[in-house]
Amino acid sequence: MRILHRFQRWLFAPLVYLAALLLLLEDWLWHLGARLMRRLAQWPPLHRLEAWICRLRPKAALVLFVAPATLLFPVKLLALWAMAHGYPLTGVTVIVLAKLGGAAAVARLYLLTRPVLLSIVWFAALLAWFLALKARWIEKLRATRAWQQVAALHAALRHWRMHAAPRPGSWLARFRRLLKRFRSRWHTR
């Protein structure tokens, strides 16, 4: 029995890491989309639409929350059809754009409807279960030696980039001076 359990762990470990990486990518897209949609929400017609969304009842909010994924499914099928018929770049581009647009829309809709959605008991329980599962998978990924090596390399590169002094006459030194001037002018506004 112990050998079977060890074999299962060995067999499913790559799948857990792949799922954790996909969750990290989804999380990054979620935050990027939320920032983008927050900026777009300053447009008055969109601001009024968001105010209306905030006043929805729980069932209507749930339907609206699920709508982007449902509406993007046929678009993704069309992209797969394009890839199957000799247009792989078009298909991949459409899938990536649909993923980015869908993540942005769902992120903003979730922020707007979250208080109402959490009043639905089964939704709140499902969300808590999913967030706990996501946290466990990401912790497993971050505990791996490969993740720690990549994180250390990233920190070393960031330290080198911030502390490496370019030669005085190089283009990098001129570019840094230009950036410093731009920052100082921007902060004085």
N, C-alpha and C. Protein backbone atom coordinates (compact mmCIF):
# COMPACT_ATOMS: atom_id res chain seq x y z
N MET A 1 0.83 -1.19 0.00
CA MET A 1 0.00 0.00 0.00
C MET A 1 0.86 1.25 0.00
N ARG A 2 1.97 1.22 0.78
CA ARG A 2 2.86 2.37 0.86
C ARG A 2 3.54 2.62 -0.48
N ILE A 3 3.87 1.57 -1.19
CA ILE A 3 4.52 1.71 -2.49
C ILE A 3 3.55 2.34 -3.49
N LEU A 4 2.29 1.94 -3.43
CA LEU A 4 1.28 2.53 -4.31
C LEU A 4 1.13 4.02 -4.04
N HIS A 5 1.11 4.39 -2.76
CA HIS A 5 0.98 5.81 -2.41
C HIS A 5 2.19 6.60 -2.91
N ARG A 6 3.39 6.05 -2.76
CA ARG A 6 4.61 6.71 -3.23
C ARG A 6 4.59 6.84 -4.76
N PHE A 7 4.12 5.81 -5.44
CA PHE A 7 4.03 5.84 -6.89
C PHE A 7 3.03 6.92 -7.36
N GLN A 8 1.90 7.01 -6.65
CA GLN A 8 0.92 8.05 -6.99
C GLN A 8 1.51 9.44 -6.81
N ARG A 9 2.21 9.66 -5.71
CA ARG A 9 2.83 10.97 -5.48
C ARG A 9 3.84 11.29 -6.57
N TRP A 10 4.63 10.31 -6.96
CA TRP A 10 5.64 10.51 -7.99
C TRP A 10 4.97 10.79 -9.34
N LEU A 11 3.87 10.11 -9.60
CA LEU A 11 3.16 10.26 -10.87
C LEU A 11 2.43 11.60 -10.96
N PHE A 12 1.83 12.06 -9.86
CA PHE A 12 1.03 13.27 -9.90
C PHE A 12 1.80 14.54 -9.55
N ALA A 13 3.04 14.42 -9.10
CA ALA A 13 3.82 15.60 -8.72
C ALA A 13 3.98 16.59 -9.89
N PRO A 14 4.31 16.15 -11.10
CA PRO A 14 4.41 17.13 -12.20
C PRO A 14 3.08 17.83 -12.48
N LEU A 15 1.98 17.12 -12.31
CA LEU A 15 0.68 17.74 -12.54
C LEU A 15 0.37 18.81 -11.49
N VAL A 16 0.77 18.56 -10.26
CA VAL A 16 0.56 19.56 -9.20
C VAL A 16 1.39 20.79 -9.49
N TYR A 17 2.64 20.60 -9.92
CA TYR A 17 3.50 21.75 -10.23
C TYR A 17 2.97 22.51 -11.44
N LEU A 18 2.49 21.80 -12.43
CA LEU A 18 1.92 22.46 -13.60
C LEU A 18 0.67 23.25 -13.20
N ALA A 19 -0.16 22.66 -12.38
CA ALA A 19 -1.36 23.36 -11.92
C ALA A 19 -0.99 24.59 -11.10
N ALA A 20 0.03 24.47 -10.25
CA ALA A 20 0.46 25.62 -9.45
C ALA A 20 1.00 26.73 -10.34
N LEU A 21 1.77 26.37 -11.36
CA LEU A 21 2.27 27.38 -12.29
C LEU A 21 1.13 28.07 -13.04
N LEU A 22 0.14 27.28 -13.45
CA LEU A 22 -1.01 27.87 -14.12
C LEU A 22 -1.79 28.78 -13.19
N LEU A 23 -1.90 28.40 -11.92
CA LEU A 23 -2.57 29.26 -10.95
C LEU A 23 -1.80 30.55 -10.72
N LEU A 24 -0.48 30.47 -10.70
CA LEU A 24 0.33 31.70 -10.56
C LEU A 24 0.15 32.60 -11.77
N LEU A 25 0.12 32.01 -12.97
CA LEU A 25 -0.11 32.80 -14.18
C LEU A 25 -1.50 33.42 -14.14
N GLU A 26 -2.48 32.66 -13.74
CA GLU A 26 -3.85 33.18 -13.65
C GLU A 26 -3.93 34.30 -12.62
N ASP A 27 -3.21 34.14 -11.51
CA ASP A 27 -3.19 35.17 -10.48
C ASP A 27 -2.56 36.46 -11.01
N TRP A 28 -1.47 36.31 -11.74
CA TRP A 28 -0.81 37.47 -12.33
C TRP A 28 -1.73 38.16 -13.34
N LEU A 29 -2.38 37.37 -14.18
CA LEU A 29 -3.32 37.95 -15.15
C LEU A 29 -4.50 38.61 -14.43
N TRP A 30 -4.94 38.02 -13.34
CA TRP A 30 -6.04 38.57 -12.55
C TRP A 30 -5.69 39.98 -12.06
N HIS A 31 -4.50 40.12 -11.46
CA HIS A 31 -4.09 41.42 -10.93
C HIS A 31 -3.85 42.43 -12.05
N LEU A 32 -3.27 41.99 -13.13
CA LEU A 32 -3.05 42.88 -14.27
C LEU A 32 -4.38 43.35 -14.84
N GLY A 33 -5.31 42.43 -15.00
CA GLY A 33 -6.63 42.78 -15.53
C GLY A 33 -7.40 43.70 -14.59
N ALA A 34 -7.27 43.45 -13.29
CA ALA A 34 -7.96 44.30 -12.32
C ALA A 34 -7.44 45.73 -12.38
N ARG A 35 -6.12 45.88 -12.52
CA ARG A 35 -5.55 47.24 -12.62
C ARG A 35 -6.01 47.93 -13.90
N LEU A 36 -6.01 47.20 -14.99
CA LEU A 36 -6.44 47.76 -16.27
C LEU A 36 -7.91 48.16 -16.22
N MET A 37 -8.75 47.29 -15.69
CA MET A 37 -10.18 47.58 -15.63
C MET A 37 -10.48 48.71 -14.64
N ARG A 38 -9.67 48.85 -13.60
CA ARG A 38 -9.85 49.96 -12.65
C ARG A 38 -9.62 51.29 -13.36
N ARG A 39 -8.64 51.30 -14.25
CA ARG A 39 -8.40 52.53 -15.02
C ARG A 39 -9.51 52.79 -16.01
N LEU A 40 -9.98 51.74 -16.66
CA LEU A 40 -11.08 51.91 -17.61
C LEU A 40 -12.37 52.32 -16.93
N ALA A 41 -12.53 51.94 -15.67
CA ALA A 41 -13.76 52.23 -14.94
C ALA A 41 -13.93 53.72 -14.65
N GLN A 42 -12.90 54.50 -14.88
CA GLN A 42 -13.01 55.94 -14.66
C GLN A 42 -13.79 56.61 -15.79
N TRP A 43 -14.02 55.91 -16.87
CA TRP A 43 -14.81 56.44 -17.97
C TRP A 43 -16.27 56.50 -17.51
N PRO A 44 -16.96 57.64 -17.62
CA PRO A 44 -18.29 57.80 -17.01
C PRO A 44 -19.34 56.74 -17.38
N PRO A 45 -19.50 56.36 -18.68
CA PRO A 45 -20.51 55.31 -18.95
C PRO A 45 -20.20 53.98 -18.26
N LEU A 46 -18.93 53.63 -18.22
CA LEU A 46 -18.54 52.39 -17.56
C LEU A 46 -18.72 52.50 -16.05
N HIS A 47 -18.50 53.69 -15.53
CA HIS A 47 -18.70 53.92 -14.10
C HIS A 47 -20.18 53.73 -13.71
N ARG A 48 -21.07 54.21 -14.56
CA ARG A 48 -22.51 54.02 -14.29
C ARG A 48 -22.89 52.54 -14.39
N LEU A 49 -22.32 51.85 -15.37
CA LEU A 49 -22.59 50.41 -15.50
C LEU A 49 -22.12 49.66 -14.25
N GLU A 50 -20.96 50.01 -13.74
CA GLU A 50 -20.45 49.34 -12.55
C GLU A 50 -21.32 49.63 -11.33
N ALA A 51 -21.83 50.85 -11.24
CA ALA A 51 -22.73 51.17 -10.13
C ALA A 51 -23.99 50.31 -10.20
N TRP A 52 -24.49 50.08 -11.42
CA TRP A 52 -25.66 49.21 -11.59
C TRP A 52 -25.32 47.77 -11.19
N ILE A 53 -24.14 47.30 -11.58
CA ILE A 53 -23.71 45.94 -11.26
C ILE A 53 -23.63 45.75 -9.74
N CYS A 54 -23.16 46.76 -9.04
CA CYS A 54 -23.04 46.66 -7.58
C CYS A 54 -24.40 46.52 -6.88
N ARG A 55 -25.47 46.94 -7.55
CA ARG A 55 -26.81 46.87 -6.95
C ARG A 55 -27.57 45.60 -7.31
N LEU A 56 -26.95 44.67 -8.04
CA LEU A 56 -27.64 43.45 -8.46
C LEU A 56 -27.93 42.53 -7.28
N ARG A 57 -28.94 41.71 -7.45
CA ARG A 57 -29.28 40.67 -6.48
C ARG A 57 -28.31 39.50 -6.66
N PRO A 58 -28.24 38.58 -5.69
CA PRO A 58 -27.27 37.48 -5.76
C PRO A 58 -27.34 36.61 -7.02
N LYS A 59 -28.54 36.20 -7.43
CA LYS A 59 -28.64 35.32 -8.60
C LYS A 59 -28.22 36.05 -9.88
N ALA A 60 -28.61 37.30 -10.02
CA ALA A 60 -28.22 38.08 -11.20
C ALA A 60 -26.71 38.33 -11.20
N ALA A 61 -26.15 38.58 -10.03
CA ALA A 61 -24.70 38.78 -9.93
C ALA A 61 -23.95 37.51 -10.31
N LEU A 62 -24.46 36.35 -9.91
CA LEU A 62 -23.83 35.08 -10.26
C LEU A 62 -23.87 34.85 -11.77
N VAL A 63 -25.02 35.12 -12.39
CA VAL A 63 -25.13 34.97 -13.85
C VAL A 63 -24.15 35.90 -14.55
N LEU A 64 -24.05 37.13 -14.08
CA LEU A 64 -23.14 38.10 -14.68
C LEU A 64 -21.69 37.69 -14.47
N PHE A 65 -21.39 37.12 -13.32
CA PHE A 65 -20.03 36.68 -13.03
C PHE A 65 -19.60 35.53 -13.93
N VAL A 66 -20.51 34.64 -14.26
CA VAL A 66 -20.21 33.47 -15.09
C VAL A 66 -20.25 33.82 -16.59
N ALA A 67 -20.88 34.92 -16.95
CA ALA A 67 -21.09 35.28 -18.36
C ALA A 67 -19.80 35.38 -19.18
N PRO A 68 -18.71 36.04 -18.71
CA PRO A 68 -17.52 36.13 -19.58
C PRO A 68 -16.96 34.79 -19.99
N ALA A 69 -16.89 33.84 -19.06
CA ALA A 69 -16.37 32.51 -19.41
C ALA A 69 -17.28 31.82 -20.41
N THR A 70 -18.57 31.97 -20.23
CA THR A 70 -19.54 31.35 -21.13
C THR A 70 -19.49 31.99 -22.51
N LEU A 71 -19.36 33.30 -22.55
CA LEU A 71 -19.33 33.99 -23.84
C LEU A 71 -18.02 33.78 -24.58
N LEU A 72 -16.93 33.55 -23.86
CA LEU A 72 -15.63 33.36 -24.52
C LEU A 72 -15.41 31.93 -24.99
N PHE A 73 -16.22 30.99 -24.53
CA PHE A 73 -16.04 29.60 -24.94
C PHE A 73 -16.17 29.43 -26.47
N PRO A 74 -17.19 30.00 -27.13
CA PRO A 74 -17.24 29.86 -28.59
C PRO A 74 -16.06 30.54 -29.30
N VAL A 75 -15.55 31.61 -28.74
CA VAL A 75 -14.39 32.29 -29.33
C VAL A 75 -13.18 31.36 -29.28
N LYS A 76 -13.01 30.68 -28.17
CA LYS A 76 -11.89 29.74 -28.04
C LYS A 76 -12.06 28.55 -28.98
N LEU A 77 -13.30 28.10 -29.17
CA LEU A 77 -13.55 27.02 -30.15
C LEU A 77 -13.20 27.47 -31.56
N LEU A 78 -13.55 28.71 -31.91
CA LEU A 78 -13.18 29.25 -33.22
C LEU A 78 -11.67 29.32 -33.38
N ALA A 79 -10.97 29.68 -32.32
CA ALA A 79 -9.51 29.73 -32.37
C ALA A 79 -8.94 28.33 -32.61
N LEU A 80 -9.50 27.33 -31.93
CA LEU A 80 -9.04 25.95 -32.17
C LEU A 80 -9.34 25.51 -33.60
N TRP A 81 -10.49 25.92 -34.12
CA TRP A 81 -10.83 25.61 -35.51
C TRP A 81 -9.83 26.26 -36.46
N ALA A 82 -9.44 27.51 -36.18
CA ALA A 82 -8.45 28.21 -37.01
C ALA A 82 -7.11 27.48 -36.97
N MET A 83 -6.71 27.01 -35.79
CA MET A 83 -5.44 26.28 -35.69
C MET A 83 -5.50 24.97 -36.46
N ALA A 84 -6.64 24.31 -36.41
CA ALA A 84 -6.79 23.03 -37.11
C ALA A 84 -6.79 23.20 -38.61
N HIS A 85 -7.15 24.39 -39.10
CA HIS A 85 -7.22 24.63 -40.54
C HIS A 85 -6.04 25.44 -41.07
N GLY A 86 -4.90 25.38 -40.38
CA GLY A 86 -3.69 25.97 -40.91
C GLY A 86 -3.39 27.40 -40.50
N TYR A 87 -4.04 27.90 -39.48
CA TYR A 87 -3.77 29.26 -39.00
C TYR A 87 -3.39 29.22 -37.52
N PRO A 88 -2.24 28.61 -37.21
CA PRO A 88 -1.89 28.44 -35.80
C PRO A 88 -1.61 29.76 -35.08
N LEU A 89 -0.95 30.68 -35.74
CA LEU A 89 -0.63 31.96 -35.09
C LEU A 89 -1.91 32.75 -34.77
N THR A 90 -2.85 32.74 -35.70
CA THR A 90 -4.12 33.42 -35.47
C THR A 90 -4.87 32.78 -34.30
N GLY A 91 -4.90 31.46 -34.29
CA GLY A 91 -5.60 30.75 -33.22
C GLY A 91 -4.99 31.00 -31.86
N VAL A 92 -3.67 30.94 -31.76
CA VAL A 92 -2.99 31.17 -30.49
C VAL A 92 -3.20 32.62 -30.05
N THR A 93 -3.11 33.55 -30.99
CA THR A 93 -3.33 34.97 -30.66
C THR A 93 -4.73 35.20 -30.12
N VAL A 94 -5.73 34.60 -30.76
CA VAL A 94 -7.11 34.76 -30.30
C VAL A 94 -7.29 34.15 -28.91
N ILE A 95 -6.69 32.98 -28.67
CA ILE A 95 -6.81 32.36 -27.35
C ILE A 95 -6.15 33.21 -26.27
N VAL A 96 -4.96 33.74 -26.57
CA VAL A 96 -4.26 34.58 -25.59
C VAL A 96 -5.05 35.85 -25.31
N LEU A 97 -5.55 36.50 -26.37
CA LEU A 97 -6.33 37.73 -26.18
C LEU A 97 -7.64 37.44 -25.43
N ALA A 98 -8.27 36.31 -25.74
CA ALA A 98 -9.50 35.95 -25.03
C ALA A 98 -9.20 35.67 -23.56
N LYS A 99 -8.07 35.03 -23.29
CA LYS A 99 -7.69 34.75 -21.90
C LYS A 99 -7.43 36.04 -21.15
N LEU A 100 -6.69 36.96 -21.78
CA LEU A 100 -6.40 38.24 -21.13
C LEU A 100 -7.68 39.05 -20.91
N GLY A 101 -8.51 39.14 -21.94
CA GLY A 101 -9.76 39.89 -21.83
C GLY A 101 -10.71 39.25 -20.82
N GLY A 102 -10.79 37.93 -20.86
CA GLY A 102 -11.67 37.24 -19.92
C GLY A 102 -11.20 37.38 -18.49
N ALA A 103 -9.89 37.28 -18.27
CA ALA A 103 -9.36 37.45 -16.91
C ALA A 103 -9.61 38.86 -16.40
N ALA A 104 -9.44 39.85 -17.28
CA ALA A 104 -9.68 41.24 -16.87
C ALA A 104 -11.15 41.45 -16.53
N ALA A 105 -12.04 40.94 -17.37
CA ALA A 105 -13.47 41.13 -17.12
C ALA A 105 -13.93 40.39 -15.86
N VAL A 106 -13.47 39.16 -15.69
CA VAL A 106 -13.87 38.38 -14.52
C VAL A 106 -13.30 39.00 -13.24
N ALA A 107 -12.07 39.50 -13.31
CA ALA A 107 -11.47 40.13 -12.13
C ALA A 107 -12.29 41.34 -11.70
N ARG A 108 -12.65 42.18 -12.65
CA ARG A 108 -13.43 43.37 -12.30
C ARG A 108 -14.84 43.00 -11.82
N LEU A 109 -15.48 42.07 -12.52
CA LEU A 109 -16.82 41.64 -12.10
C LEU A 109 -16.78 41.00 -10.71
N TYR A 110 -15.74 40.25 -10.43
CA TYR A 110 -15.63 39.64 -9.11
C TYR A 110 -15.50 40.71 -8.03
N LEU A 111 -14.66 41.71 -8.29
CA LEU A 111 -14.52 42.78 -7.30
C LEU A 111 -15.83 43.52 -7.06
N LEU A 112 -16.60 43.70 -8.12
CA LEU A 112 -17.86 44.42 -7.99
C LEU A 112 -18.95 43.59 -7.33
N THR A 113 -18.97 42.30 -7.61
CA THR A 113 -20.07 41.45 -7.13
C THR A 113 -19.70 40.60 -5.92
N ARG A 114 -18.47 40.69 -5.44
CA ARG A 114 -18.01 39.82 -4.36
C ARG A 114 -18.90 39.88 -3.11
N PRO A 115 -19.24 41.07 -2.61
CA PRO A 115 -20.09 41.07 -1.40
C PRO A 115 -21.42 40.34 -1.60
N VAL A 116 -22.01 40.50 -2.77
CA VAL A 116 -23.29 39.84 -3.04
C VAL A 116 -23.09 38.35 -3.26
N LEU A 117 -22.01 37.97 -3.98
CA LEU A 117 -21.76 36.56 -4.23
C LEU A 117 -21.46 35.79 -2.95
N LEU A 118 -20.80 36.43 -2.00
CA LEU A 118 -20.49 35.75 -0.75
C LEU A 118 -21.72 35.54 0.13
N SER A 119 -22.82 36.18 -0.23
CA SER A 119 -24.07 35.92 0.51
C SER A 119 -24.71 34.60 0.06
N ILE A 120 -24.25 34.04 -1.06
CA ILE A 120 -24.70 32.72 -1.51
C ILE A 120 -23.85 31.68 -0.77
N VAL A 121 -24.46 30.87 0.03
CA VAL A 121 -23.74 29.97 0.94
C VAL A 121 -22.83 29.01 0.18
N TRP A 122 -23.35 28.34 -0.84
CA TRP A 122 -22.54 27.36 -1.55
C TRP A 122 -21.40 28.04 -2.30
N PHE A 123 -21.59 29.27 -2.79
CA PHE A 123 -20.52 29.98 -3.48
C PHE A 123 -19.40 30.33 -2.50
N ALA A 124 -19.78 30.80 -1.31
CA ALA A 124 -18.78 31.16 -0.30
C ALA A 124 -17.98 29.92 0.12
N ALA A 125 -18.65 28.78 0.28
CA ALA A 125 -17.96 27.54 0.67
C ALA A 125 -17.03 27.06 -0.45
N LEU A 126 -17.50 27.12 -1.68
CA LEU A 126 -16.69 26.71 -2.82
C LEU A 126 -15.48 27.62 -2.99
N LEU A 127 -15.67 28.90 -2.80
CA LEU A 127 -14.56 29.86 -2.92
C LEU A 127 -13.52 29.60 -1.83
N ALA A 128 -13.96 29.36 -0.60
CA ALA A 128 -13.02 29.08 0.49
C ALA A 128 -12.23 27.81 0.21
N TRP A 129 -12.91 26.78 -0.29
CA TRP A 129 -12.23 25.52 -0.62
C TRP A 129 -11.20 25.73 -1.72
N PHE A 130 -11.58 26.48 -2.78
CA PHE A 130 -10.67 26.71 -3.90
C PHE A 130 -9.46 27.53 -3.46
N LEU A 131 -9.66 28.57 -2.67
CA LEU A 131 -8.55 29.41 -2.24
C LEU A 131 -7.59 28.62 -1.35
N ALA A 132 -8.11 27.72 -0.50
CA ALA A 132 -7.24 26.88 0.32
C ALA A 132 -6.45 25.90 -0.54
N LEU A 133 -7.10 25.30 -1.52
CA LEU A 133 -6.41 24.38 -2.43
C LEU A 133 -5.33 25.11 -3.21
N LYS A 134 -5.66 26.29 -3.71
CA LYS A 134 -4.69 27.09 -4.46
C LYS A 134 -3.48 27.44 -3.59
N ALA A 135 -3.72 27.83 -2.36
CA ALA A 135 -2.62 28.18 -1.45
C ALA A 135 -1.72 26.96 -1.19
N ARG A 136 -2.33 25.78 -1.02
CA ARG A 136 -1.53 24.57 -0.79
C ARG A 136 -0.66 24.24 -2.00
N TRP A 137 -1.23 24.33 -3.20
CA TRP A 137 -0.47 24.02 -4.40
C TRP A 137 0.67 25.01 -4.62
N ILE A 138 0.40 26.26 -4.38
CA ILE A 138 1.45 27.26 -4.58
C ILE A 138 2.54 27.09 -3.54
N GLU A 139 2.19 26.75 -2.31
CA GLU A 139 3.20 26.49 -1.29
C GLU A 139 4.06 25.29 -1.66
N LYS A 140 3.45 24.24 -2.23
CA LYS A 140 4.23 23.09 -2.69
C LYS A 140 5.20 23.50 -3.78
N LEU A 141 4.75 24.36 -4.68
CA LEU A 141 5.62 24.83 -5.75
C LEU A 141 6.75 25.66 -5.19
N ARG A 142 6.46 26.55 -4.27
CA ARG A 142 7.50 27.44 -3.72
C ARG A 142 8.48 26.68 -2.82
N ALA A 143 8.10 25.51 -2.34
CA ALA A 143 8.98 24.71 -1.49
C ALA A 143 9.97 23.90 -2.32
N THR A 144 9.80 23.83 -3.61
CA THR A 144 10.71 23.03 -4.43
C THR A 144 12.06 23.72 -4.57
N ARG A 145 13.07 22.93 -4.79
CA ARG A 145 14.42 23.46 -4.97
C ARG A 145 14.51 24.29 -6.24
N ALA A 146 13.81 23.87 -7.28
CA ALA A 146 13.86 24.62 -8.55
C ALA A 146 13.28 26.02 -8.37
N TRP A 147 12.17 26.14 -7.65
CA TRP A 147 11.57 27.46 -7.42
C TRP A 147 12.52 28.35 -6.63
N GLN A 148 13.14 27.77 -5.60
CA GLN A 148 14.05 28.55 -4.77
C GLN A 148 15.27 29.00 -5.56
N GLN A 149 15.77 28.15 -6.47
CA GLN A 149 16.90 28.54 -7.29
C GLN A 149 16.53 29.66 -8.25
N VAL A 150 15.35 29.57 -8.85
CA VAL A 150 14.89 30.63 -9.75
C VAL A 150 14.67 31.93 -8.98
N ALA A 151 14.11 31.84 -7.78
CA ALA A 151 13.90 33.04 -6.96
C ALA A 151 15.24 33.67 -6.57
N ALA A 152 16.22 32.85 -6.24
CA ALA A 152 17.54 33.38 -5.88
C ALA A 152 18.21 34.03 -7.09
N LEU A 153 18.06 33.41 -8.26
CA LEU A 153 18.62 33.99 -9.48
C LEU A 153 17.93 35.33 -9.80
N HIS A 154 16.62 35.36 -9.63
CA HIS A 154 15.88 36.60 -9.87
C HIS A 154 16.33 37.71 -8.92
N ALA A 155 16.51 37.37 -7.64
CA ALA A 155 16.97 38.36 -6.65
C ALA A 155 18.39 38.83 -6.98
N ALA A 156 19.25 37.91 -7.40
CA ALA A 156 20.62 38.29 -7.75
C ALA A 156 20.63 39.21 -8.98
N LEU A 157 19.81 38.89 -9.97
CA LEU A 157 19.75 39.75 -11.16
C LEU A 157 19.20 41.13 -10.81
N ARG A 158 18.18 41.17 -9.96
CA ARG A 158 17.63 42.46 -9.54
C ARG A 158 18.68 43.26 -8.78
N HIS A 159 19.43 42.62 -7.88
CA HIS A 159 20.48 43.30 -7.13
C HIS A 159 21.57 43.81 -8.07
N TRP A 160 21.97 42.98 -9.01
CA TRP A 160 23.00 43.38 -9.97
C TRP A 160 22.53 44.56 -10.80
N ARG A 161 21.27 44.50 -11.26
CA ARG A 161 20.74 45.57 -12.11
C ARG A 161 20.66 46.89 -11.35
N MET A 162 20.31 46.82 -10.07
CA MET A 162 20.16 48.04 -9.29
C MET A 162 21.51 48.60 -8.83
N HIS A 163 22.51 47.74 -8.64
CA HIS A 163 23.76 48.20 -8.06
C HIS A 163 24.93 48.25 -9.03
N ALA A 164 24.76 47.69 -10.20
CA ALA A 164 25.85 47.71 -11.17
C ALA A 164 25.98 49.12 -11.73
N ALA A 165 27.17 49.64 -11.64
CA ALA A 165 27.41 51.00 -12.15
C ALA A 165 27.87 50.91 -13.59
N PRO A 166 27.14 51.53 -14.51
CA PRO A 166 27.58 51.51 -15.90
C PRO A 166 28.77 52.45 -16.11
N ARG A 167 29.49 52.22 -17.18
CA ARG A 167 30.61 53.12 -17.52
C ARG A 167 30.07 54.52 -17.74
N PRO A 168 30.80 55.55 -17.35
CA PRO A 168 30.28 56.93 -17.42
C PRO A 168 29.79 57.37 -18.79
N GLY A 169 30.41 56.96 -19.85
CA GLY A 169 30.00 57.45 -21.17
C GLY A 169 29.09 56.49 -21.94
N SER A 170 28.68 55.40 -21.32
CA SER A 170 27.90 54.39 -22.04
C SER A 170 26.46 54.84 -22.24
N TRP A 171 25.78 54.18 -23.14
CA TRP A 171 24.38 54.51 -23.40
C TRP A 171 23.51 54.22 -22.18
N LEU A 172 23.91 53.20 -21.40
CA LEU A 172 23.14 52.86 -20.21
C LEU A 172 23.22 53.98 -19.16
N ALA A 173 24.43 54.57 -19.01
CA ALA A 173 24.58 55.67 -18.07
C ALA A 173 23.75 56.88 -18.52
N ARG A 174 23.77 57.17 -19.81
CA ARG A 174 22.98 58.30 -20.32
C ARG A 174 21.48 58.03 -20.14
N PHE A 175 21.08 56.78 -20.40
CA PHE A 175 19.67 56.42 -20.24
C PHE A 175 19.24 56.55 -18.78
N ARG A 176 20.08 56.11 -17.84
CA ARG A 176 19.74 56.24 -16.42
C ARG A 176 19.64 57.70 -16.01
N ARG A 177 20.54 58.56 -16.52
CA ARG A 177 20.45 59.99 -16.20
C ARG A 177 19.15 60.57 -16.74
N LEU A 178 18.78 60.16 -17.96
CA LEU A 178 17.53 60.63 -18.55
C LEU A 178 16.33 60.19 -17.71
N LEU A 179 16.33 58.94 -17.28
CA LEU A 179 15.25 58.44 -16.43
C LEU A 179 15.19 59.19 -15.11
N LYS A 180 16.36 59.47 -14.53
CA LYS A 180 16.40 60.20 -13.26
C LYS A 180 15.82 61.60 -13.43
N ARG A 181 16.16 62.28 -14.54
CA ARG A 181 15.60 63.60 -14.81
C ARG A 181 14.10 63.54 -15.01
N PHE A 182 13.64 62.53 -15.74
CA PHE A 182 12.21 62.37 -15.98
C PHE A 182 11.46 62.14 -14.67
N ARG A 183 12.01 61.27 -13.81
CA ARG A 183 11.38 61.01 -12.51
C ARG A 183 11.31 62.27 -11.66
N SER A 184 12.40 63.03 -11.63
CA SER A 184 12.39 64.24 -10.81
C SER A 184 11.39 65.27 -11.33
N ARG A 185 11.26 65.39 -12.64
CA ARG A 185 10.27 66.31 -13.20
C ARG A 185 8.85 65.80 -12.94
N TRP A 186 8.67 64.50 -13.03
CA TRP A 186 7.34 63.92 -12.82
C TRP A 186 6.89 64.11 -11.37
N HIS A 187 7.82 63.96 -10.43
CA HIS A 187 7.45 64.09 -9.01
C HIS A 187 7.23 65.53 -8.60
N THR A 188 7.77 66.48 -9.33
CA THR A 188 7.55 67.89 -8.99
C THR A 188 6.19 68.38 -9.44
N ARG A 189 5.51 67.65 -10.29
CA ARG A 189 4.18 68.08 -10.77
C ARG A 189 3.15 68.02 -9.71
